[in-house]
Protein backbone atom coordinates (compact mmCIF):
# COMPACT_ATOMS: atom_id res chain seq x y z
CA MET A 1 105.02 82.77 38.11
CA ASN A 2 106.39 79.47 39.05
CA HIS A 3 106.02 78.20 42.81
CA MET A 4 108.25 75.88 44.81
CA ILE A 5 108.83 73.82 48.06
CA VAL A 6 112.09 74.60 49.59
CA MET A 7 113.10 72.10 52.44
CA THR A 8 115.90 72.13 54.84
CA THR A 9 116.30 71.00 58.51
CA MET A 10 117.48 72.45 61.50
CA PRO A 11 118.88 71.46 64.74
CA ASP A 12 116.38 72.97 67.45
CA MET A 13 113.29 74.73 67.44
CA ALA A 14 115.19 77.88 68.00
CA SER A 15 116.91 78.10 65.33
CA ALA A 16 114.15 76.36 62.82
CA GLU A 17 112.15 79.60 64.17
CA GLU A 18 114.72 82.02 63.40
CA LEU A 19 115.14 80.71 60.02
CA ALA A 20 111.57 80.86 59.41
CA ASP A 21 111.10 84.43 60.97
CA ASN A 22 113.64 85.54 58.67
CA LEU A 23 112.53 84.25 55.59
CA VAL A 24 109.04 85.40 55.56
CA GLY A 25 110.11 88.72 57.50
CA ASP A 26 112.42 89.19 54.13
CA SER A 27 109.42 88.31 51.76
CA LEU A 28 111.55 85.46 50.64
CA ALA A 29 108.87 83.12 51.50
CA ALA A 30 105.30 83.03 52.21
CA CYS A 31 104.85 80.69 54.71
CA VAL A 32 107.34 78.01 56.25
CA ASN A 33 106.05 74.97 58.16
CA ILE A 34 108.17 73.72 60.92
CA LEU A 35 107.73 69.94 61.25
CA PRO A 36 108.13 68.39 65.11
CA VAL A 37 111.51 66.41 66.11
CA MET A 38 112.51 64.02 63.93
CA LYS A 39 115.08 61.14 63.93
CA SER A 40 117.31 61.33 61.12
CA ILE A 41 120.19 58.93 60.13
CA TYR A 42 122.46 59.82 57.54
CA ARG A 43 126.12 59.29 56.23
CA TRP A 44 128.48 62.10 57.28
CA GLN A 45 132.48 61.58 56.28
CA GLY A 46 132.05 58.08 56.50
CA LYS A 47 130.26 57.18 59.45
CA CYS A 48 126.95 56.26 59.76
CA GLN A 49 125.05 59.39 62.15
CA HIS A 50 121.97 59.80 64.02
CA GLY A 51 120.28 63.07 65.12
CA ALA A 52 117.09 64.78 65.90
CA GLU A 53 116.14 67.58 63.60
CA HIS A 54 113.14 69.46 62.88
CA GLN A 55 112.01 69.59 58.54
CA LEU A 56 111.14 72.99 57.04
CA ILE A 57 108.92 73.32 54.57
CA ILE A 58 109.43 76.67 52.81
CA LYS A 59 106.58 77.79 50.14
CA THR A 60 107.91 80.61 47.83
CA CYS A 61 108.34 81.20 44.54
CA ALA A 62 110.82 80.12 41.93
CA ASP A 63 112.41 82.83 41.14
CA ARG A 64 113.43 83.43 45.04
CA TYR A 65 115.08 79.94 45.21
CA LYS A 66 119.23 81.34 44.66
CA GLU A 67 118.29 84.29 47.52
CA ILE A 68 116.41 81.62 49.79
CA GLU A 69 119.74 78.85 49.41
CA SER A 70 122.36 81.98 49.85
CA TYR A 71 120.37 82.86 53.15
CA ILE A 72 120.42 79.49 54.22
CA GLU A 73 124.17 78.45 53.41
CA LYS A 74 125.03 81.69 55.10
CA HIS A 75 123.33 81.53 58.51
CA HIS A 76 123.07 77.59 58.80
CA PRO A 77 124.96 75.92 61.57
CA TYR A 78 125.76 72.83 59.19
CA GLU A 79 128.69 72.77 57.37
CA LEU A 80 126.69 70.96 54.83
CA PRO A 81 122.69 71.87 54.95
CA GLU A 82 120.36 70.21 52.98
CA ILE A 83 118.53 72.40 50.63
CA ILE A 84 116.37 70.96 48.17
CA GLY A 85 113.74 72.91 45.53
CA LEU A 86 110.64 70.99 44.53
CA PRO A 87 108.51 72.77 42.03
CA ILE A 88 104.78 72.94 42.60
CA GLN A 89 103.13 71.54 39.61
CA GLN A 90 99.45 72.12 40.68
CA GLY A 91 97.71 73.85 43.50
CA LEU A 92 94.51 75.79 44.83
CA ALA A 93 95.07 79.14 42.06
CA ALA A 94 94.02 81.38 45.18
CA TYR A 95 96.78 80.19 47.36
CA LEU A 96 99.43 80.34 44.59
CA THR A 97 98.18 83.97 44.14
CA TRP A 98 99.10 84.38 48.07
CA VAL A 99 102.39 82.87 47.96
CA THR A 100 103.01 85.01 44.86
CA GLU A 101 102.35 88.30 46.85
CA ASN A 102 103.89 87.66 49.81
CA CYS A 103 107.06 86.75 48.15
CA GLU A 104 107.39 90.16 45.65
CA LYS A 105 110.67 91.55 46.41
CA ASN A 106 110.33 95.02 48.52
């Protein structure tokens, strides 16, 4: 099974933790890391914006990506959330087995 990292940002710790809890609780992800507040500078609606966000690093199986994408889109407070999927090309076999076991559909 192929594994991947999905990345998204959230505007505050409470919403980041809620999203992470739900993804892990629903077996869509084996693990979600929430990074401390970071400053984001981006162009939105033709203007340069500055904001504070938390980066989420979601470890999952590639066959769960579409479900994760749909879940984030449905529950994200932003009009256009960051949702980026990156393949995991290599990793500790035992860890990747653990990811697989914890992302199995119930």
